[in-house]
């Protein structure tokens, strides 16, 4: 799946991955949705779902996989569907099973 950005589609190039950051929705016991908070300031890792993979990526990841990536090595892009980030292959810390 590619992400549409105004009449164009985004596809990561070379060793980049296109990621949809995971945002946890907090609910109270009564079912009230709480606003999402940013990740902990001392956390160096973020979680996200792989949307697309560049042609030079050698990691065994594919669209739909959940990964952990370094928070300092991403380029954020705002699209109508929300926020997506481009992450270099070397910034992927792990794959969630």
N, C-alpha and C. Protein backbone atom coordinates (compact mmCIF):
# COMPACT_ATOMS: atom_id res chain seq x y z
N UNK A 1 0.83 -1.18 0.00
CA UNK A 1 0.00 0.00 0.00
C UNK A 1 0.88 1.24 0.00
N UNK A 2 0.62 2.13 -0.90
CA UNK A 2 1.34 3.40 -0.94
C UNK A 2 0.46 4.47 -0.34
N UNK A 3 1.09 5.49 0.19
CA UNK A 3 0.34 6.58 0.81
C UNK A 3 0.16 7.70 -0.20
N UNK A 4 -1.04 8.20 -0.28
CA UNK A 4 -1.34 9.28 -1.22
C UNK A 4 -1.11 10.63 -0.57
N UNK A 5 -0.42 11.49 -1.24
CA UNK A 5 -0.13 12.83 -0.75
C UNK A 5 -0.52 13.82 -1.82
N UNK A 6 -1.67 14.37 -1.73
CA UNK A 6 -2.25 15.32 -2.72
C UNK A 6 -2.34 14.67 -4.07
N UNK A 7 -2.47 14.17 -4.82
CA UNK A 7 -2.54 13.51 -6.09
C UNK A 7 -1.30 12.69 -6.41
N UNK A 8 -0.37 12.55 -5.53
CA UNK A 8 0.84 11.75 -5.79
C UNK A 8 0.94 10.64 -4.75
N UNK A 9 1.63 9.59 -5.10
CA UNK A 9 1.84 8.50 -4.15
C UNK A 9 3.28 8.50 -3.69
N UNK A 10 3.51 8.17 -2.44
CA UNK A 10 4.86 8.12 -1.90
C UNK A 10 5.37 6.69 -1.90
N UNK A 11 6.56 6.51 -2.40
CA UNK A 11 7.25 5.22 -2.39
C UNK A 11 8.65 5.47 -1.87
N UNK A 12 9.10 4.76 -0.84
CA UNK A 12 10.45 4.97 -0.35
C UNK A 12 11.49 4.52 -1.38
N UNK A 13 12.59 5.24 -1.44
CA UNK A 13 13.67 4.91 -2.37
C UNK A 13 14.84 4.29 -1.63
N UNK A 14 15.66 3.56 -2.36
CA UNK A 14 16.91 2.98 -1.87
C UNK A 14 16.69 2.16 -0.61
N UNK A 15 17.35 2.55 0.50
CA UNK A 15 17.30 1.75 1.73
C UNK A 15 16.32 2.32 2.75
N UNK A 16 15.26 2.99 2.29
CA UNK A 16 14.29 3.61 3.20
C UNK A 16 13.03 2.76 3.32
N UNK A 17 12.38 2.90 4.47
CA UNK A 17 11.09 2.27 4.71
C UNK A 17 10.08 3.37 5.02
N UNK A 18 8.85 3.19 4.59
CA UNK A 18 7.77 4.11 4.91
C UNK A 18 6.98 3.48 6.04
N UNK A 19 6.86 4.21 7.15
CA UNK A 19 6.29 3.68 8.38
C UNK A 19 5.10 4.51 8.84
N UNK A 20 4.06 3.84 9.32
CA UNK A 20 2.93 4.50 9.98
C UNK A 20 3.19 4.35 11.47
N UNK A 21 3.52 5.45 12.17
CA UNK A 21 3.81 5.35 13.62
C UNK A 21 2.62 4.80 14.39
N UNK A 22 2.91 3.99 15.39
CA UNK A 22 1.88 3.42 16.25
C UNK A 22 1.51 4.45 17.30
N UNK A 23 0.22 4.76 17.38
CA UNK A 23 -0.27 5.70 18.39
C UNK A 23 -1.31 4.96 19.23
N UNK A 24 -1.01 4.84 20.50
CA UNK A 24 -1.91 4.13 21.40
C UNK A 24 -3.02 5.06 21.87
N UNK A 25 -4.26 4.62 21.71
CA UNK A 25 -5.39 5.40 22.21
C UNK A 25 -5.67 4.97 23.63
N UNK A 26 -5.61 5.92 24.52
CA UNK A 26 -5.86 5.62 25.94
C UNK A 26 -7.34 5.79 26.24
N UNK A 27 -7.90 4.83 26.96
CA UNK A 27 -9.30 4.87 27.38
C UNK A 27 -9.37 4.70 28.88
N UNK A 28 -10.32 5.37 29.48
CA UNK A 28 -10.57 5.16 30.90
C UNK A 28 -11.44 3.92 31.05
N UNK A 29 -11.63 3.48 32.28
CA UNK A 29 -12.47 2.31 32.53
C UNK A 29 -13.90 2.56 32.05
N UNK A 30 -14.33 3.81 32.05
CA UNK A 30 -15.67 4.15 31.60
C UNK A 30 -15.79 4.31 30.10
N UNK A 31 -14.70 4.18 29.35
CA UNK A 31 -14.73 4.25 27.90
C UNK A 31 -14.45 5.63 27.33
N UNK A 32 -14.01 6.57 28.16
CA UNK A 32 -13.69 7.91 27.68
C UNK A 32 -12.32 7.90 27.03
N UNK A 33 -12.24 8.40 25.79
CA UNK A 33 -10.95 8.46 25.09
C UNK A 33 -10.13 9.62 25.64
N UNK A 34 -8.89 9.36 25.96
CA UNK A 34 -7.98 10.39 26.43
C UNK A 34 -7.08 10.81 25.28
N UNK A 35 -6.68 12.07 25.23
CA UNK A 35 -5.79 12.50 24.14
C UNK A 35 -4.48 11.74 24.20
N UNK A 36 -3.95 11.44 23.01
CA UNK A 36 -2.69 10.69 22.97
C UNK A 36 -1.55 11.58 23.41
N UNK A 37 -0.65 11.00 24.14
CA UNK A 37 0.52 11.73 24.62
C UNK A 37 1.70 11.38 23.74
N UNK A 38 2.67 12.27 23.61
CA UNK A 38 3.85 11.94 22.83
C UNK A 38 4.63 10.83 23.52
N UNK A 39 5.51 10.13 22.79
CA UNK A 39 6.30 9.08 23.42
C UNK A 39 7.14 9.65 24.56
N UNK A 40 7.51 8.80 25.49
CA UNK A 40 8.32 9.24 26.62
C UNK A 40 9.58 9.95 26.13
N UNK A 41 9.91 11.03 26.77
CA UNK A 41 11.06 11.83 26.33
C UNK A 41 12.37 11.05 26.40
N UNK A 42 12.46 10.12 27.33
CA UNK A 42 13.71 9.38 27.47
C UNK A 42 13.74 8.10 26.63
N UNK A 43 12.72 7.85 25.84
CA UNK A 43 12.69 6.67 25.00
C UNK A 43 13.35 6.97 23.66
N UNK A 44 14.31 6.17 23.29
CA UNK A 44 15.01 6.36 22.01
C UNK A 44 14.39 5.54 20.89
N UNK A 45 13.32 4.82 21.18
CA UNK A 45 12.72 3.96 20.17
C UNK A 45 11.25 4.28 19.97
N UNK A 46 10.79 4.09 18.74
CA UNK A 46 9.39 4.24 18.39
C UNK A 46 8.92 2.95 17.73
N UNK A 47 7.62 2.73 17.74
CA UNK A 47 7.02 1.57 17.11
C UNK A 47 6.19 2.03 15.92
N UNK A 48 6.12 1.19 14.89
CA UNK A 48 5.31 1.54 13.74
C UNK A 48 5.09 0.36 12.82
N UNK A 49 4.15 0.55 11.90
CA UNK A 49 3.82 -0.47 10.91
C UNK A 49 4.45 -0.11 9.57
N UNK A 50 5.10 -1.08 8.96
CA UNK A 50 5.72 -0.88 7.65
C UNK A 50 4.61 -0.74 6.61
N UNK A 51 4.66 0.34 5.85
CA UNK A 51 3.69 0.57 4.78
C UNK A 51 4.30 0.19 3.42
N UNK A 52 5.56 0.58 3.20
CA UNK A 52 6.24 0.27 1.94
C UNK A 52 7.73 0.16 2.21
N UNK A 53 8.41 -0.59 1.35
CA UNK A 53 9.84 -0.87 1.50
C UNK A 53 10.57 -0.46 0.23
N UNK A 54 11.70 0.26 0.38
CA UNK A 54 12.52 0.65 -0.76
C UNK A 54 13.18 -0.56 -1.41
N UNK A 55 13.59 -0.39 -2.66
CA UNK A 55 14.13 -1.52 -3.43
C UNK A 55 15.48 -2.04 -2.93
N UNK A 56 16.24 -1.25 -2.16
CA UNK A 56 17.55 -1.68 -1.68
C UNK A 56 17.54 -2.22 -0.26
N UNK A 57 16.39 -2.28 0.38
CA UNK A 57 16.30 -2.77 1.76
C UNK A 57 16.57 -4.27 1.78
N UNK A 58 17.51 -4.68 2.63
CA UNK A 58 17.87 -6.09 2.73
C UNK A 58 17.28 -6.77 3.96
N UNK A 59 16.66 -5.99 4.84
CA UNK A 59 15.99 -6.58 6.00
C UNK A 59 14.81 -7.42 5.55
N UNK A 60 14.48 -8.42 6.33
CA UNK A 60 13.34 -9.26 5.99
C UNK A 60 12.08 -8.67 6.60
N UNK A 61 11.66 -7.54 6.05
CA UNK A 61 10.42 -6.90 6.47
C UNK A 61 9.55 -6.67 5.24
N UNK A 62 8.27 -6.63 5.47
CA UNK A 62 7.33 -6.39 4.38
C UNK A 62 6.18 -5.56 4.90
N UNK A 63 5.40 -4.97 4.02
CA UNK A 63 4.27 -4.17 4.47
C UNK A 63 3.37 -4.97 5.42
N UNK A 64 2.98 -4.30 6.50
CA UNK A 64 2.16 -4.95 7.52
C UNK A 64 2.94 -5.36 8.75
N UNK A 65 4.27 -5.48 8.64
CA UNK A 65 5.11 -5.84 9.79
C UNK A 65 5.19 -4.68 10.77
N UNK A 66 5.26 -4.98 12.07
CA UNK A 66 5.49 -3.98 13.10
C UNK A 66 6.98 -3.99 13.44
N UNK A 67 7.57 -2.78 13.50
CA UNK A 67 9.00 -2.67 13.78
C UNK A 67 9.25 -1.65 14.88
N UNK A 68 10.45 -1.69 15.41
CA UNK A 68 10.95 -0.70 16.36
C UNK A 68 12.05 0.06 15.63
N UNK A 69 12.03 1.40 15.70
CA UNK A 69 13.04 2.19 14.99
C UNK A 69 13.52 3.34 15.86
N UNK A 70 14.69 3.84 15.53
CA UNK A 70 15.33 4.92 16.27
C UNK A 70 14.58 6.22 16.05
N UNK A 71 14.29 6.95 17.12
CA UNK A 71 13.50 8.17 16.98
C UNK A 71 14.26 9.32 16.35
N UNK A 72 15.57 9.28 16.34
CA UNK A 72 16.36 10.39 15.80
C UNK A 72 16.66 10.25 14.31
N UNK A 73 16.21 9.19 13.70
CA UNK A 73 16.57 8.93 12.30
C UNK A 73 15.34 8.81 11.42
N UNK A 74 14.45 9.77 11.52
CA UNK A 74 13.25 9.69 10.71
C UNK A 74 12.90 11.05 10.12
N UNK A 75 12.21 11.01 9.00
CA UNK A 75 11.70 12.22 8.36
C UNK A 75 10.18 12.13 8.37
N UNK A 76 9.52 13.03 9.09
CA UNK A 76 8.07 13.00 9.24
C UNK A 76 7.38 13.72 8.08
N UNK A 77 6.26 13.14 7.62
CA UNK A 77 5.47 13.73 6.55
C UNK A 77 4.01 13.66 6.97
N UNK A 78 3.32 14.78 6.89
CA UNK A 78 1.89 14.82 7.21
C UNK A 78 1.09 14.57 5.93
N UNK A 79 0.20 13.57 5.97
CA UNK A 79 -0.64 13.22 4.83
C UNK A 79 -2.09 13.21 5.30
N UNK A 80 -3.06 13.21 4.38
CA UNK A 80 -4.46 13.21 4.79
C UNK A 80 -4.82 12.06 5.74
N UNK A 81 -4.16 10.93 5.60
CA UNK A 81 -4.45 9.77 6.46
C UNK A 81 -3.81 9.87 7.83
N UNK A 82 -3.02 10.91 8.09
CA UNK A 82 -2.30 11.07 9.35
C UNK A 82 -0.83 11.33 9.10
N UNK A 83 0.00 10.88 9.98
CA UNK A 83 1.44 11.10 9.85
C UNK A 83 2.13 9.81 9.43
N UNK A 84 3.10 9.92 8.53
CA UNK A 84 3.96 8.80 8.17
C UNK A 84 5.40 9.27 8.29
N UNK A 85 6.32 8.32 8.42
CA UNK A 85 7.73 8.67 8.53
C UNK A 85 8.56 7.80 7.58
N UNK A 86 9.63 8.39 7.06
CA UNK A 86 10.62 7.65 6.29
C UNK A 86 11.76 7.32 7.23
N UNK A 87 12.18 6.06 7.26
CA UNK A 87 13.23 5.59 8.15
C UNK A 87 14.26 4.84 7.33
N UNK A 88 15.54 5.11 7.58
CA UNK A 88 16.61 4.37 6.91
C UNK A 88 16.68 2.94 7.47
N UNK A 89 17.06 2.02 6.63
CA UNK A 89 17.16 0.61 7.04
C UNK A 89 18.05 0.43 8.27
N UNK A 90 19.15 1.16 8.35
CA UNK A 90 20.08 1.01 9.48
C UNK A 90 19.48 1.51 10.80
N UNK A 91 18.37 2.26 10.73
CA UNK A 91 17.74 2.78 11.95
C UNK A 91 16.68 1.85 12.51
N UNK A 92 16.42 0.74 11.82
CA UNK A 92 15.46 -0.24 12.31
C UNK A 92 16.15 -1.07 13.39
N UNK A 93 15.57 -1.08 14.57
CA UNK A 93 16.17 -1.78 15.70
C UNK A 93 15.67 -3.20 15.84
N UNK A 94 14.47 -3.48 15.38
CA UNK A 94 13.94 -4.83 15.50
C UNK A 94 12.57 -4.97 14.88
N UNK A 95 12.13 -6.20 14.77
CA UNK A 95 10.83 -6.54 14.20
C UNK A 95 10.02 -7.22 15.29
N UNK A 96 8.77 -6.84 15.45
CA UNK A 96 7.91 -7.44 16.46
C UNK A 96 7.21 -8.64 15.87
N UNK A 97 7.21 -9.73 16.60
CA UNK A 97 6.57 -10.97 16.14
C UNK A 97 5.24 -11.15 16.81
